[in-house]
PDB file of N, CA and C in Angstrom:
ATOM      1  N   ASP A   1       0.814  -1.204   0.000  1.00  0.00           N
ATOM      2  CA  ASP A   1       0.000   0.000   0.000  1.00  0.00           C
ATOM      3  C   ASP A   1       0.854   1.263   0.000  1.00  0.00           C
ATOM      4  N   SER A   2       1.996   1.233   0.694  1.00  0.00           N
ATOM      5  CA  SER A   2       2.830   2.438   0.743  1.00  0.00           C
ATOM      6  C   SER A   2       3.415   2.757  -0.631  1.00  0.00           C
ATOM      7  N   VAL A   3       3.772   1.736  -1.397  1.00  0.00           N
ATOM      8  CA  VAL A   3       4.288   1.960  -2.756  1.00  0.00           C
ATOM      9  C   VAL A   3       3.185   2.515  -3.638  1.00  0.00           C
ATOM     10  N   ALA A   4       1.994   1.945  -3.563  1.00  0.00           N
ATOM     11  CA  ALA A   4       0.870   2.427  -4.374  1.00  0.00           C
ATOM     12  C   ALA A   4       0.556   3.880  -4.032  1.00  0.00           C
ATOM     13  N   ARG A   5       0.562   4.213  -2.765  1.00  0.00           N
ATOM     14  CA  ARG A   5       0.283   5.608  -2.371  1.00  0.00           C
ATOM     15  C   ARG A   5       1.377   6.552  -2.856  1.00  0.00           C
ATOM     16  N   ALA A   6       2.634   6.115  -2.764  1.00  0.00           N
ATOM     17  CA  ALA A   6       3.742   6.959  -3.241  1.00  0.00           C
ATOM     18  C   ALA A   6       3.634   7.194  -4.745  1.00  0.00           C
ATOM     19  N   LEU A   7       3.290   6.155  -5.488  1.00  0.00           N
ATOM     20  CA  LEU A   7       3.110   6.308  -6.937  1.00  0.00           C
ATOM     21  C   LEU A   7       1.946   7.249  -7.244  1.00  0.00           C
ATOM     22  N   ALA A   8       0.858   7.109  -6.510  1.00  0.00           N
ATOM     23  CA  ALA A   8      -0.329   7.939  -6.748  1.00  0.00           C
ATOM     24  C   ALA A   8      -0.058   9.419  -6.499  1.00  0.00           C
ATOM     25  N   GLU A   9       0.912   9.720  -5.679  1.00  0.00           N
ATOM     26  CA  GLU A   9       1.253  11.122  -5.397  1.00  0.00           C
ATOM     27  C   GLU A   9       2.049  11.773  -6.518  1.00  0.00           C
ATOM     28  N   LEU A  10       2.627  10.984  -7.403  1.00  0.00           N
ATOM     29  CA  LEU A  10       3.432  11.550  -8.485  1.00  0.00           C
ATOM     30  C   LEU A  10       2.524  12.153  -9.557  1.00  0.00           C
ATOM     31  N   PRO A  11       2.764  13.392  -9.954  1.00  0.00           N
ATOM     32  CA  PRO A  11       1.908  14.017 -10.963  1.00  0.00           C
ATOM     33  C   PRO A  11       1.997  13.338 -12.336  1.00  0.00           C
ATOM     34  N   GLU A  12       3.101  12.651 -12.611  1.00  0.00           N
ATOM     35  CA  GLU A  12       3.276  11.991 -13.907  1.00  0.00           C
ATOM     36  C   GLU A  12       2.447  10.709 -14.025  1.00  0.00           C
ATOM     37  N   ILE A  13       2.036  10.156 -12.910  1.00  0.00           N
ATOM     38  CA  ILE A  13       1.279   8.902 -12.900  1.00  0.00           C
ATOM     39  C   ILE A  13      -0.202   9.210 -13.056  1.00  0.00           C
ATOM     40  N   VAL A  14      -0.865   8.523 -13.993  1.00  0.00           N
ATOM     41  CA  VAL A  14      -2.281   8.778 -14.275  1.00  0.00           C
ATOM     42  C   VAL A  14      -3.203   7.681 -13.762  1.00  0.00           C
ATOM     43  N   PHE A  15      -2.634   6.534 -13.342  1.00  0.00           N
ATOM     44  CA  PHE A  15      -3.443   5.413 -12.874  1.00  0.00           C
ATOM     45  C   PHE A  15      -2.595   4.558 -11.948  1.00  0.00           C
ATOM     46  N   VAL A  16      -3.169   4.159 -10.810  1.00  0.00           N
ATOM     47  CA  VAL A  16      -2.497   3.245  -9.880  1.00  0.00           C
ATOM     48  C   VAL A  16      -3.525   2.266  -9.353  1.00  0.00           C
ATOM     49  N   SER A  17      -3.147   0.985  -9.299  1.00  0.00           N
ATOM     50  CA  SER A  17      -4.018  -0.047  -8.752  1.00  0.00           C
ATOM     51  C   SER A  17      -3.168  -1.112  -8.089  1.00  0.00           C
ATOM     52  N   THR A  18      -3.614  -1.642  -6.951  1.00  0.00           N
ATOM     53  CA  THR A  18      -2.976  -2.830  -6.403  1.00  0.00           C
ATOM     54  C   THR A  18      -3.535  -4.022  -7.163  1.00  0.00           C
ATOM     55  N   MET A  19      -2.724  -5.047  -7.319  1.00  0.00           N
ATOM     56  CA  MET A  19      -3.061  -6.142  -8.223  1.00  0.00           C
ATOM     57  C   MET A  19      -2.948  -7.496  -7.537  1.00  0.00           C
ATOM     58  N   LEU A  20      -3.594  -8.475  -8.119  1.00  0.00           N
ATOM     59  CA  LEU A  20      -3.411  -9.883  -7.787  1.00  0.00           C
ATOM     60  C   LEU A  20      -2.800 -10.523  -9.019  1.00  0.00           C
ATOM     61  N   GLY A  21      -1.800 -11.369  -8.852  1.00  0.00           N
ATOM     62  CA  GLY A  21      -1.199 -12.022 -10.009  1.00  0.00           C
ATOM     63  C   GLY A  21       0.269 -11.729 -10.146  1.00  0.00           C
ATOM     64  N   ARG A  22       0.702 -11.391 -11.355  1.00  0.00           N
ATOM     65  CA  ARG A  22       2.129 -11.250 -11.656  1.00  0.00           C
ATOM     66  C   ARG A  22       2.802 -10.077 -10.963  1.00  0.00           C
ATOM     67  N   CYS A  23       2.055  -9.045 -10.646  1.00  0.00           N
ATOM     68  CA  CYS A  23       2.664  -7.884 -10.000  1.00  0.00           C
ATOM     69  C   CYS A  23       1.808  -7.441  -8.820  1.00  0.00           C
ATOM     70  N   ASP A  24       2.400  -6.644  -7.952  1.00  0.00           N
ATOM     71  CA  ASP A  24       1.694  -6.141  -6.773  1.00  0.00           C
ATOM     72  C   ASP A  24       0.984  -4.821  -7.052  1.00  0.00           C
ATOM     73  N   VAL A  25       1.604  -3.984  -7.889  1.00  0.00           N
ATOM     74  CA  VAL A  25       1.061  -2.658  -8.183  1.00  0.00           C
ATOM     75  C   VAL A  25       1.188  -2.407  -9.677  1.00  0.00           C
ATOM     76  N   LEU A  26       0.154  -1.824 -10.267  1.00  0.00           N
ATOM     77  CA  LEU A  26       0.182  -1.393 -11.658  1.00  0.00           C
ATOM     78  C   LEU A  26       0.041   0.117 -11.666  1.00  0.00           C
ATOM     79  N   ALA A  27       0.951   0.791 -12.350  1.00  0.00           N
ATOM     80  CA  ALA A  27       0.896   2.243 -12.484  1.00  0.00           C
ATOM     81  C   ALA A  27       1.074   2.594 -13.950  1.00  0.00           C
ATOM     82  N   MET A  28       0.371   3.610 -14.404  1.00  0.00           N
ATOM     83  CA  MET A  28       0.473   4.040 -15.797  1.00  0.00           C
ATOM     84  C   MET A  28       0.851   5.512 -15.858  1.00  0.00           C
ATOM     85  N   THR A  29       1.653   5.815 -16.847  1.00  0.00           N
ATOM     86  CA  THR A  29       2.040   7.188 -17.121  1.00  0.00           C
ATOM     87  C   THR A  29       2.027   7.390 -18.633  1.00  0.00           C
ATOM     88  N   LEU A  30       2.030   8.607 -19.065  1.00  0.00           N
ATOM     89  CA  LEU A  30       2.121   8.926 -20.490  1.00  0.00           C
ATOM     90  C   LEU A  30       3.470   9.577 -20.751  1.00  0.00           C
ATOM     91  N   VAL A  31       4.212   9.031 -21.709  1.00  0.00           N
ATOM     92  CA  VAL A  31       5.507   9.577 -22.096  1.00  0.00           C
ATOM     93  C   VAL A  31       5.546   9.723 -23.608  1.00  0.00           C
ATOM     94  N   GLU A  32       6.484  10.514 -24.082  1.00  0.00           N
ATOM     95  CA  GLU A  32       6.602  10.745 -25.517  1.00  0.00           C
ATOM     96  C   GLU A  32       7.449   9.688 -26.209  1.00  0.00           C
ATOM     97  N   ASP A  33       8.407   9.092 -25.488  1.00  0.00           N
ATOM     98  CA  ASP A  33       9.291   8.111 -26.122  1.00  0.00           C
ATOM     99  C   ASP A  33       9.986   7.275 -25.062  1.00  0.00           C
ATOM    100  N   GLY A  34      10.748   6.301 -25.538  1.00  0.00           N
ATOM    101  CA  GLY A  34      11.447   5.396 -24.641  1.00  0.00           C
ATOM    102  C   GLY A  34      12.477   6.075 -23.764  1.00  0.00           C
ATOM    103  N   ASP A  35      13.125   7.110 -24.287  1.00  0.00           N
ATOM    104  CA  ASP A  35      14.112   7.836 -23.479  1.00  0.00           C
ATOM    105  C   ASP A  35      13.453   8.513 -22.285  1.00  0.00           C
ATOM    106  N   GLN A  36      12.303   9.124 -22.493  1.00  0.00           N
ATOM    107  CA  GLN A  36      11.592   9.777 -21.399  1.00  0.00           C
ATOM    108  C   GLN A  36      11.145   8.736 -20.371  1.00  0.00           C
ATOM    109  N   LEU A  37      10.690   7.577 -20.835  1.00  0.00           N
ATOM    110  CA  LEU A  37      10.291   6.509 -19.924  1.00  0.00           C
ATOM    111  C   LEU A  37      11.483   6.032 -19.100  1.00  0.00           C
ATOM    112  N   THR A  38      12.624   5.824 -19.741  1.00  0.00           N
ATOM    113  CA  THR A  38      13.826   5.377 -19.037  1.00  0.00           C
ATOM    114  C   THR A  38      14.236   6.380 -17.965  1.00  0.00           C
ATOM    115  N   ARG A  39      14.233   7.667 -18.303  1.00  0.00           N
ATOM    116  CA  ARG A  39      14.593   8.697 -17.320  1.00  0.00           C
ATOM    117  C   ARG A  39      13.624   8.695 -16.145  1.00  0.00           C
ATOM    118  N   PHE A  40      12.337   8.543 -16.425  1.00  0.00           N
ATOM    119  CA  PHE A  40      11.328   8.530 -15.372  1.00  0.00           C
ATOM    120  C   PHE A  40      11.482   7.302 -14.476  1.00  0.00           C
ATOM    121  N   LEU A  41      11.696   6.145 -15.086  1.00  0.00           N
ATOM    122  CA  LEU A  41      11.860   4.924 -14.290  1.00  0.00           C
ATOM    123  C   LEU A  41      13.074   5.006 -13.370  1.00  0.00           C
ATOM    124  N   HIS A  42      14.223   5.388 -13.932  1.00  0.00           N
ATOM    125  CA  HIS A  42      15.452   5.383 -13.151  1.00  0.00           C
ATOM    126  C   HIS A  42      15.613   6.616 -12.269  1.00  0.00           C
ATOM    127  N   GLY A  43      15.052   7.725 -12.678  1.00  0.00           N
ATOM    128  CA  GLY A  43      15.203   8.950 -11.898  1.00  0.00           C
ATOM    129  C   GLY A  43      14.142   9.143 -10.832  1.00  0.00           C
ATOM    130  N   THR A  44      13.005   8.476 -10.970  1.00  0.00           N
ATOM    131  CA  THR A  44      11.902   8.687 -10.039  1.00  0.00           C
ATOM    132  C   THR A  44      11.396   7.382  -9.432  1.00  0.00           C
ATOM    133  N   ILE A  45      10.956   6.469 -10.260  1.00  0.00           N
ATOM    134  CA  ILE A  45      10.319   5.241  -9.777  1.00  0.00           C
ATOM    135  C   ILE A  45      11.287   4.384  -8.968  1.00  0.00           C
ATOM    136  N   ASP A  46      12.491   4.164  -9.471  1.00  0.00           N
ATOM    137  CA  ASP A  46      13.461   3.313  -8.779  1.00  0.00           C
ATOM    138  C   ASP A  46      13.858   3.843  -7.406  1.00  0.00           C
ATOM    139  N   ARG A  47      13.598   5.101  -7.133  1.00  0.00           N
ATOM    140  CA  ARG A  47      13.988   5.716  -5.866  1.00  0.00           C
ATOM    141  C   ARG A  47      12.909   5.620  -4.791  1.00  0.00           C
ATOM    142  N   ILE A  48      11.755   5.082  -5.138  1.00  0.00           N
ATOM    143  CA  ILE A  48      10.672   4.946  -4.161  1.00  0.00           C
ATOM    144  C   ILE A  48      10.962   3.741  -3.260  1.00  0.00           C
ATOM    145  N   PRO A  49      11.002   3.953  -1.933  1.00  0.00           N
ATOM    146  CA  PRO A  49      11.248   2.838  -1.019  1.00  0.00           C
ATOM    147  C   PRO A  49      10.189   1.751  -1.187  1.00  0.00           C
ATOM    148  N   GLY A  50      10.633   0.507  -1.232  1.00  0.00           N
ATOM    149  CA  GLY A  50       9.715  -0.620  -1.366  1.00  0.00           C
ATOM    150  C   GLY A  50       9.633  -1.175  -2.771  1.00  0.00           C
ATOM    151  N   ILE A  51      10.119  -0.431  -3.758  1.00  0.00           N
ATOM    152  CA  ILE A  51      10.135  -0.943  -5.128  1.00  0.00           C
ATOM    153  C   ILE A  51      11.414  -1.753  -5.314  1.00  0.00           C
ATOM    154  N   HIS A  52      11.229  -3.037  -5.607  1.00  0.00           N
ATOM    155  CA  HIS A  52      12.371  -3.931  -5.760  1.00  0.00           C
ATOM    156  C   HIS A  52      12.626  -4.293  -7.218  1.00  0.00           C
ATOM    157  N   ARG A  53      11.595  -4.222  -8.039  1.00  0.00           N
ATOM    158  CA  ARG A  53      11.734  -4.560  -9.450  1.00  0.00           C
ATOM    159  C   ARG A  53      10.625  -3.863 -10.228  1.00  0.00           C
ATOM    160  N   THR A  54      10.932  -3.429 -11.433  1.00  0.00           N
ATOM    161  CA  THR A  54       9.913  -2.845 -12.301  1.00  0.00           C
ATOM    162  C   THR A  54       9.868  -3.617 -13.610  1.00  0.00           C
ATOM    163  N   GLN A  55       8.692  -3.710 -14.171  1.00  0.00           N
ATOM    164  CA  GLN A  55       8.494  -4.217 -15.513  1.00  0.00           C
ATOM    165  C   GLN A  55       7.739  -3.129 -16.258  1.00  0.00           C
ATOM    166  N   TYR A  56       8.081  -2.908 -17.493  1.00  0.00           N
ATOM    167  CA  TYR A  56       7.409  -1.841 -18.233  1.00  0.00           C
ATOM    168  C   TYR A  56       7.077  -2.289 -19.634  1.00  0.00           C
ATOM    169  N   THR A  57       6.096  -1.624 -20.185  1.00  0.00           N
ATOM    170  CA  THR A  57       5.697  -1.816 -21.570  1.00  0.00           C
ATOM    171  C   THR A  57       5.452  -0.439 -22.153  1.00  0.00           C
ATOM    172  N   LEU A  58       5.937  -0.208 -23.343  1.00  0.00           N
ATOM    173  CA  LEU A  58       5.760   1.072 -24.013  1.00  0.00           C
ATOM    174  C   LEU A  58       4.825   0.871 -25.195  1.00  0.00           C
ATOM    175  N   ALA A  59       3.663   1.493 -25.137  1.00  0.00           N
ATOM    176  CA  ALA A  59       2.703   1.392 -26.243  1.00  0.00           C
ATOM    177  C   ALA A  59       3.205   2.210 -27.426  1.00  0.00           C
ATOM    178  N   HIS A  60       2.986   1.719 -28.622  1.00  0.00           N
ATOM    179  CA  HIS A  60       3.430   2.468 -29.796  1.00  0.00           C
ATOM    180  C   HIS A  60       2.267   3.013 -30.612  1.00  0.00           C
ATOM    181  N   GLN A  61       1.048   2.549 -30.367  1.00  0.00           N
ATOM    182  CA  GLN A  61      -0.108   3.069 -31.100  1.00  0.00           C
ATOM    183  C   GLN A  61      -1.363   2.863 -30.248  1.00  0.00           C
ATOM    184  N   PHE A  62      -2.122   3.918 -30.072  1.00  0.00           N
ATOM    185  CA  PHE A  62      -3.395   3.788 -29.374  1.00  0.00           C
ATOM    186  C   PHE A  62      -4.449   3.309 -30.361  1.00  0.00           C
ATOM    187  N   VAL A  63      -5.119   2.225 -30.058  1.00  0.00           N
ATOM    188  CA  VAL A  63      -6.199   1.706 -30.881  1.00  0.00           C
ATOM    189  C   VAL A  63      -7.532   2.217 -30.348  1.00  0.00           C
ATOM    190  N   LYS A  64      -7.635   2.285 -29.037  1.00  0.00           N
ATOM    191  CA  LYS A  64      -8.834   2.818 -28.389  1.00  0.00           C
ATOM    192  C   LYS A  64      -8.389   3.565 -27.150  1.00  0.00           C
ATOM    193  N   HIS A  65      -8.967   4.714 -26.925  1.00  0.00           N
ATOM    194  CA  HIS A  65      -8.649   5.504 -25.738  1.00  0.00           C
ATOM    195  C   HIS A  65      -9.947   5.997 -25.124  1.00  0.00           C
ATOM    196  N   ASP A  66     -10.173   5.665 -23.883  1.00  0.00           N
ATOM    197  CA  ASP A  66     -11.360   6.119 -23.155  1.00  0.00           C
ATOM    198  C   ASP A  66     -10.970   7.365 -22.369  1.00  0.00           C
ATOM    199  N   HIS A  67     -11.533   8.501 -22.711  1.00  0.00           N
ATOM    200  CA  HIS A  67     -11.155   9.771 -22.087  1.00  0.00           C
ATOM    201  C   HIS A  67     -11.440   9.809 -20.594  1.00  0.00           C
ATOM    202  N   ARG A  68     -12.241   8.870 -20.078  1.00  0.00           N
ATOM    203  CA  ARG A  68     -12.495   8.843 -18.637  1.00  0.00           C
ATOM    204  C   ARG A  68     -11.265   8.442 -17.847  1.00  0.00           C
ATOM    205  N   TRP A  69     -10.296   7.766 -18.506  1.00  0.00           N
ATOM    206  CA  TRP A  69      -9.068   7.393 -17.820  1.00  0.00           C
ATOM    207  C   TRP A  69      -8.123   8.571 -17.730  1.00  0.00           C
ATOM    208  N   THR A  70      -7.902   9.221 -18.850  1.00  0.00           N
ATOM    209  CA  THR A  70      -7.019  10.398 -18.889  1.00  0.00           C
ATOM    210  C   THR A  70      -7.147  11.062 -20.248  1.00  0.00           C
ATOM    211  N   ALA A  71      -6.862  12.316 -20.295  1.00  0.00           N
ATOM    212  CA  ALA A  71      -6.902  13.047 -21.562  1.00  0.00           C
ATOM    213  C   ALA A  71      -5.519  12.989 -22.212  1.00  0.00           C
ATOM    214  N   ILE A  72      -5.489  12.831 -23.508  1.00  0.00           N
ATOM    215  CA  ILE A  72      -4.231  12.885 -24.251  1.00  0.00           C
ATOM    216  C   ILE A  72      -4.137  14.291 -24.840  1.00  0.00           C
ATOM    217  N   VAL A  73      -3.089  15.007 -24.449  1.00  0.00           N
ATOM    218  CA  VAL A  73      -2.884  16.375 -24.928  1.00  0.00           C
ATOM    219  C   VAL A  73      -1.488  16.510 -25.501  1.00  0.00           C
ATOM    220  N   GLU A  74      -1.327  17.509 -26.337  1.00  0.00           N
ATOM    221  CA  GLU A  74       0.015  17.761 -26.896  1.00  0.00           C
ATOM    222  C   GLU A  74       0.698  18.846 -26.139  1.00  0.00           C
TER     223      GLU A  74
END
């Protein structure tokens, strides 16, 4: 719970949920490219106490976007 709360406090994070299964916490953010994601993971996420490992996926094309989750802006 402390990791989920710490992630939820970050302005870059748009979604946080505790999970059952392969991971304990799922967090989503929007980035422009892989370099920005790498900087965010290593400069911010890896420094949160309680995070021992991260797995990430970088989407390359939105097929469907529900605006109730978050707005995509330029």
